[in-house]
Amino acid sequence: MARNQRKYTDEFKDTIVELYNSGKSLSEFSSEYGISKSTVNGWIKNLRPVVIDEG
């Protein structure tokens, strides 16, 4: 693990993604929580629900 790298709980990540889905911007997370935009973007991609086409 890189120096100064923070470890976030899954619960925290879920909360951030829920806030993003409710309309909060990546810039707001960056300034309010000190989380980089790319980190939040990665969480959003990883926690995106899987859609299954049954047709």
PDB file of N, CA and C in Angstrom:
ATOM      1  N   MET A   1       0.855  -1.183   0.000  1.00  0.00           N
ATOM      2  CA  MET A   1       0.000   0.000   0.000  1.00  0.00           C
ATOM      3  C   MET A   1       0.894   1.238   0.000  1.00  0.00           C
ATOM      4  N   ALA A   2       0.516   2.218  -0.761  1.00  0.00           N
ATOM      5  CA  ALA A   2       1.296   3.439  -0.866  1.00  0.00           C
ATOM      6  C   ALA A   2       1.259   4.227   0.437  1.00  0.00           C
ATOM      7  N   ARG A   3       2.286   5.014   0.652  1.00  0.00           N
ATOM      8  CA  ARG A   3       2.313   5.850   1.846  1.00  0.00           C
ATOM      9  C   ARG A   3       1.192   6.869   1.787  1.00  0.00           C
ATOM     10  N   ASN A   4       0.650   7.187   2.951  1.00  0.00           N
ATOM     11  CA  ASN A   4      -0.414   8.170   3.093  1.00  0.00           C
ATOM     12  C   ASN A   4      -1.726   7.748   2.438  1.00  0.00           C
ATOM     13  N   GLN A   5      -1.846   6.488   2.071  1.00  0.00           N
ATOM     14  CA  GLN A   5      -3.091   6.019   1.463  1.00  0.00           C
ATOM     15  C   GLN A   5      -4.080   5.670   2.573  1.00  0.00           C
ATOM     16  N   ARG A   6      -5.280   6.229   2.461  1.00  0.00           N
ATOM     17  CA  ARG A   6      -6.311   5.977   3.458  1.00  0.00           C
ATOM     18  C   ARG A   6      -7.094   4.729   3.114  1.00  0.00           C
ATOM     19  N   LYS A   7      -7.614   4.089   4.138  1.00  0.00           N
ATOM     20  CA  LYS A   7      -8.463   2.911   3.966  1.00  0.00           C
ATOM     21  C   LYS A   7      -9.870   3.303   4.387  1.00  0.00           C
ATOM     22  N   TYR A   8     -10.835   3.123   3.502  1.00  0.00           N
ATOM     23  CA  TYR A   8     -12.223   3.480   3.772  1.00  0.00           C
ATOM     24  C   TYR A   8     -13.050   2.215   3.946  1.00  0.00           C
ATOM     25  N   THR A   9     -14.020   2.266   4.856  1.00  0.00           N
ATOM     26  CA  THR A   9     -14.887   1.116   5.067  1.00  0.00           C
ATOM     27  C   THR A   9     -15.878   1.000   3.914  1.00  0.00           C
ATOM     28  N   ASP A  10     -16.392  -0.206   3.726  1.00  0.00           N
ATOM     29  CA  ASP A  10     -17.393  -0.424   2.679  1.00  0.00           C
ATOM     30  C   ASP A  10     -18.646   0.397   2.967  1.00  0.00           C
ATOM     31  N   GLU A  11     -18.992   0.539   4.235  1.00  0.00           N
ATOM     32  CA  GLU A  11     -20.165   1.331   4.612  1.00  0.00           C
ATOM     33  C   GLU A  11     -19.985   2.795   4.202  1.00  0.00           C
ATOM     34  N   PHE A  12     -18.787   3.338   4.417  1.00  0.00           N
ATOM     35  CA  PHE A  12     -18.505   4.720   4.032  1.00  0.00           C
ATOM     36  C   PHE A  12     -18.604   4.878   2.515  1.00  0.00           C
ATOM     37  N   LYS A  13     -18.028   3.934   1.785  1.00  0.00           N
ATOM     38  CA  LYS A  13     -18.079   3.975   0.320  1.00  0.00           C
ATOM     39  C   LYS A  13     -19.521   3.943  -0.176  1.00  0.00           C
ATOM     40  N   ASP A  14     -20.324   3.052   0.411  1.00  0.00           N
ATOM     41  CA  ASP A  14     -21.738   2.955   0.029  1.00  0.00           C
ATOM     42  C   ASP A  14     -22.456   4.275   0.270  1.00  0.00           C
ATOM     43  N   THR A  15     -22.171   4.905   1.403  1.00  0.00           N
ATOM     44  CA  THR A  15     -22.803   6.186   1.738  1.00  0.00           C
ATOM     45  C   THR A  15     -22.429   7.250   0.725  1.00  0.00           C
ATOM     46  N   ILE A  16     -21.170   7.319   0.362  1.00  0.00           N
ATOM     47  CA  ILE A  16     -20.705   8.313  -0.613  1.00  0.00           C
ATOM     48  C   ILE A  16     -21.374   8.080  -1.965  1.00  0.00           C
ATOM     49  N   VAL A  17     -21.471   6.825  -2.389  1.00  0.00           N
ATOM     50  CA  VAL A  17     -22.110   6.512  -3.678  1.00  0.00           C
ATOM     51  C   VAL A  17     -23.588   6.876  -3.638  1.00  0.00           C
ATOM     52  N   GLU A  18     -24.254   6.607  -2.512  1.00  0.00           N
ATOM     53  CA  GLU A  18     -25.666   6.984  -2.384  1.00  0.00           C
ATOM     54  C   GLU A  18     -25.830   8.499  -2.478  1.00  0.00           C
ATOM     55  N   LEU A  19     -24.943   9.237  -1.836  1.00  0.00           N
ATOM     56  CA  LEU A  19     -24.999  10.704  -1.914  1.00  0.00           C
ATOM     57  C   LEU A  19     -24.779  11.175  -3.349  1.00  0.00           C
ATOM     58  N   TYR A  20     -23.847  10.535  -4.046  1.00  0.00           N
ATOM     59  CA  TYR A  20     -23.593  10.876  -5.446  1.00  0.00           C
ATOM     60  C   TYR A  20     -24.849  10.614  -6.283  1.00  0.00           C
ATOM     61  N   ASN A  21     -25.473   9.461  -6.065  1.00  0.00           N
ATOM     62  CA  ASN A  21     -26.672   9.107  -6.823  1.00  0.00           C
ATOM     63  C   ASN A  21     -27.839  10.040  -6.520  1.00  0.00           C
ATOM     64  N   SER A  22     -27.814  10.688  -5.361  1.00  0.00           N
ATOM     65  CA  SER A  22     -28.887  11.621  -5.018  1.00  0.00           C
ATOM     66  C   SER A  22     -28.598  13.034  -5.526  1.00  0.00           C
ATOM     67  N   GLY A  23     -27.452  13.226  -6.207  1.00  0.00           N
ATOM     68  CA  GLY A  23     -27.216  14.503  -6.863  1.00  0.00           C
ATOM     69  C   GLY A  23     -25.996  15.283  -6.420  1.00  0.00           C
ATOM     70  N   LYS A  24     -25.247  14.795  -5.454  1.00  0.00           N
ATOM     71  CA  LYS A  24     -24.051  15.508  -5.004  1.00  0.00           C
ATOM     72  C   LYS A  24     -22.937  15.315  -6.037  1.00  0.00           C
ATOM     73  N   SER A  25     -22.145  16.347  -6.279  1.00  0.00           N
ATOM     74  CA  SER A  25     -21.125  16.268  -7.321  1.00  0.00           C
ATOM     75  C   SER A  25     -19.790  15.745  -6.788  1.00  0.00           C
ATOM     76  N   LEU A  26     -18.956  15.271  -7.703  1.00  0.00           N
ATOM     77  CA  LEU A  26     -17.633  14.789  -7.336  1.00  0.00           C
ATOM     78  C   LEU A  26     -16.798  15.903  -6.710  1.00  0.00           C
ATOM     79  N   SER A  27     -16.963  17.117  -7.193  1.00  0.00           N
ATOM     80  CA  SER A  27     -16.233  18.256  -6.639  1.00  0.00           C
ATOM     81  C   SER A  27     -16.594  18.503  -5.182  1.00  0.00           C
ATOM     82  N   GLU A  28     -17.868  18.317  -4.851  1.00  0.00           N
ATOM     83  CA  GLU A  28     -18.308  18.501  -3.469  1.00  0.00           C
ATOM     84  C   GLU A  28     -17.649  17.473  -2.543  1.00  0.00           C
ATOM     85  N   PHE A  29     -17.544  16.230  -2.994  1.00  0.00           N
ATOM     86  CA  PHE A  29     -16.892  15.207  -2.178  1.00  0.00           C
ATOM     87  C   PHE A  29     -15.428  15.537  -1.966  1.00  0.00           C
ATOM     88  N   SER A  30     -14.794  15.978  -3.023  1.00  0.00           N
ATOM     89  CA  SER A  30     -13.387  16.299  -2.959  1.00  0.00           C
ATOM     90  C   SER A  30     -13.106  17.385  -1.921  1.00  0.00           C
ATOM     91  N   SER A  31     -13.904  18.437  -1.930  1.00  0.00           N
ATOM     92  CA  SER A  31     -13.665  19.534  -0.994  1.00  0.00           C
ATOM     93  C   SER A  31     -14.196  19.240   0.406  1.00  0.00           C
ATOM     94  N   GLU A  32     -15.326  18.557   0.511  1.00  0.00           N
ATOM     95  CA  GLU A  32     -15.954  18.334   1.809  1.00  0.00           C
ATOM     96  C   GLU A  32     -15.292  17.205   2.605  1.00  0.00           C
ATOM     97  N   TYR A  33     -14.934  16.115   1.932  1.00  0.00           N
ATOM     98  CA  TYR A  33     -14.397  14.941   2.620  1.00  0.00           C
ATOM     99  C   TYR A  33     -12.905  14.704   2.372  1.00  0.00           C
ATOM    100  N   GLY A  34     -12.319  15.459   1.459  1.00  0.00           N
ATOM    101  CA  GLY A  34     -10.905  15.270   1.158  1.00  0.00           C
ATOM    102  C   GLY A  34     -10.639  13.995   0.371  1.00  0.00           C
ATOM    103  N   ILE A  35     -11.619  13.580  -0.428  1.00  0.00           N
ATOM    104  CA  ILE A  35     -11.498  12.376  -1.243  1.00  0.00           C
ATOM    105  C   ILE A  35     -11.323  12.819  -2.696  1.00  0.00           C
ATOM    106  N   SER A  36     -10.368  12.219  -3.394  1.00  0.00           N
ATOM    107  CA  SER A  36     -10.158  12.621  -4.784  1.00  0.00           C
ATOM    108  C   SER A  36     -11.344  12.204  -5.649  1.00  0.00           C
ATOM    109  N   LYS A  37     -11.541  12.947  -6.708  1.00  0.00           N
ATOM    110  CA  LYS A  37     -12.629  12.663  -7.640  1.00  0.00           C
ATOM    111  C   LYS A  37     -12.463  11.277  -8.253  1.00  0.00           C
ATOM    112  N   SER A  38     -11.227  10.903  -8.559  1.00  0.00           N
ATOM    113  CA  SER A  38     -11.001   9.601  -9.185  1.00  0.00           C
ATOM    114  C   SER A  38     -11.312   8.452  -8.225  1.00  0.00           C
ATOM    115  N   THR A  39     -11.081   8.667  -6.934  1.00  0.00           N
ATOM    116  CA  THR A  39     -11.413   7.643  -5.939  1.00  0.00           C
ATOM    117  C   THR A  39     -12.918   7.425  -5.889  1.00  0.00           C
ATOM    118  N   VAL A  40     -13.671   8.515  -5.800  1.00  0.00           N
ATOM    119  CA  VAL A  40     -15.127   8.413  -5.748  1.00  0.00           C
ATOM    120  C   VAL A  40     -15.656   7.811  -7.044  1.00  0.00           C
ATOM    121  N   ASN A  41     -15.080   8.204  -8.154  1.00  0.00           N
ATOM    122  CA  ASN A  41     -15.502   7.667  -9.452  1.00  0.00           C
ATOM    123  C   ASN A  41     -15.288   6.154  -9.511  1.00  0.00           C
ATOM    124  N   GLY A  42     -14.197   5.684  -8.958  1.00  0.00           N
ATOM    125  CA  GLY A  42     -13.932   4.252  -8.908  1.00  0.00           C
ATOM    126  C   GLY A  42     -14.962   3.521  -8.062  1.00  0.00           C
ATOM    127  N   TRP A  43     -15.319   4.094  -6.919  1.00  0.00           N
ATOM    128  CA  TRP A  43     -16.346   3.485  -6.058  1.00  0.00           C
ATOM    129  C   TRP A  43     -17.676   3.410  -6.790  1.00  0.00           C
ATOM    130  N   ILE A  44     -18.015   4.475  -7.520  1.00  0.00           N
ATOM    131  CA  ILE A  44     -19.284   4.508  -8.256  1.00  0.00           C
ATOM    132  C   ILE A  44     -19.310   3.384  -9.290  1.00  0.00           C
ATOM    133  N   LYS A  45     -18.217   3.208 -10.009  1.00  0.00           N
ATOM    134  CA  LYS A  45     -18.155   2.158 -11.027  1.00  0.00           C
ATOM    135  C   LYS A  45     -18.219   0.774 -10.395  1.00  0.00           C
ATOM    136  N   ASN A  46     -17.542   0.579  -9.264  1.00  0.00           N
ATOM    137  CA  ASN A  46     -17.518  -0.723  -8.605  1.00  0.00           C
ATOM    138  C   ASN A  46     -18.843  -1.075  -7.943  1.00  0.00           C
ATOM    139  N   LEU A  47     -19.588  -0.070  -7.502  1.00  0.00           N
ATOM    140  CA  LEU A  47     -20.831  -0.320  -6.786  1.00  0.00           C
ATOM    141  C   LEU A  47     -22.072  -0.151  -7.655  1.00  0.00           C
ATOM    142  N   ARG A  48     -21.868   0.034  -8.955  1.00  0.00           N
ATOM    143  CA  ARG A  48     -22.993   0.169  -9.880  1.00  0.00           C
ATOM    144  C   ARG A  48     -23.751  -1.152  -9.937  1.00  0.00           C
ATOM    145  N   PRO A  49     -25.082  -1.120  -9.835  1.00  0.00           N
ATOM    146  CA  PRO A  49     -25.837  -2.366  -9.893  1.00  0.00           C
ATOM    147  C   PRO A  49     -25.704  -3.052 -11.251  1.00  0.00           C
ATOM    148  N   VAL A  50     -25.706  -4.353 -11.233  1.00  0.00           N
ATOM    149  CA  VAL A  50     -25.609  -5.137 -12.469  1.00  0.00           C
ATOM    150  C   VAL A  50     -27.017  -5.301 -13.038  1.00  0.00           C
ATOM    151  N   VAL A  51     -27.180  -4.973 -14.323  1.00  0.00           N
ATOM    152  CA  VAL A  51     -28.473  -5.104 -14.978  1.00  0.00           C
ATOM    153  C   VAL A  51     -28.434  -6.331 -15.859  1.00  0.00           C
ATOM    154  N   ILE A  52     -29.396  -7.205 -15.667  1.00  0.00           N
ATOM    155  CA  ILE A  52     -29.443  -8.450 -16.448  1.00  0.00           C
ATOM    156  C   ILE A  52     -30.611  -8.348 -17.424  1.00  0.00           C
ATOM    157  N   ASP A  53     -30.302  -8.545 -18.696  1.00  0.00           N
ATOM    158  CA  ASP A  53     -31.325  -8.511 -19.736  1.00  0.00           C
ATOM    159  C   ASP A  53     -31.912  -9.903 -19.860  1.00  0.00           C
ATOM    160  N   GLU A  54     -33.185 -10.037 -19.539  1.00  0.00           N
ATOM    161  CA  GLU A  54     -33.812 -11.357 -19.580  1.00  0.00           C
ATOM    162  C   GLU A  54     -34.544 -11.594 -20.902  1.00  0.00           C
ATOM    163  N   GLY A  55     -34.208 -10.823 -21.913  1.00  0.00           N
ATOM    164  CA  GLY A  55     -34.907 -10.960 -23.185  1.00  0.00           C
ATOM    165  C   GLY A  55     -34.136 -11.588 -24.226  1.00  0.00           C
TER     166      GLY A  55
END
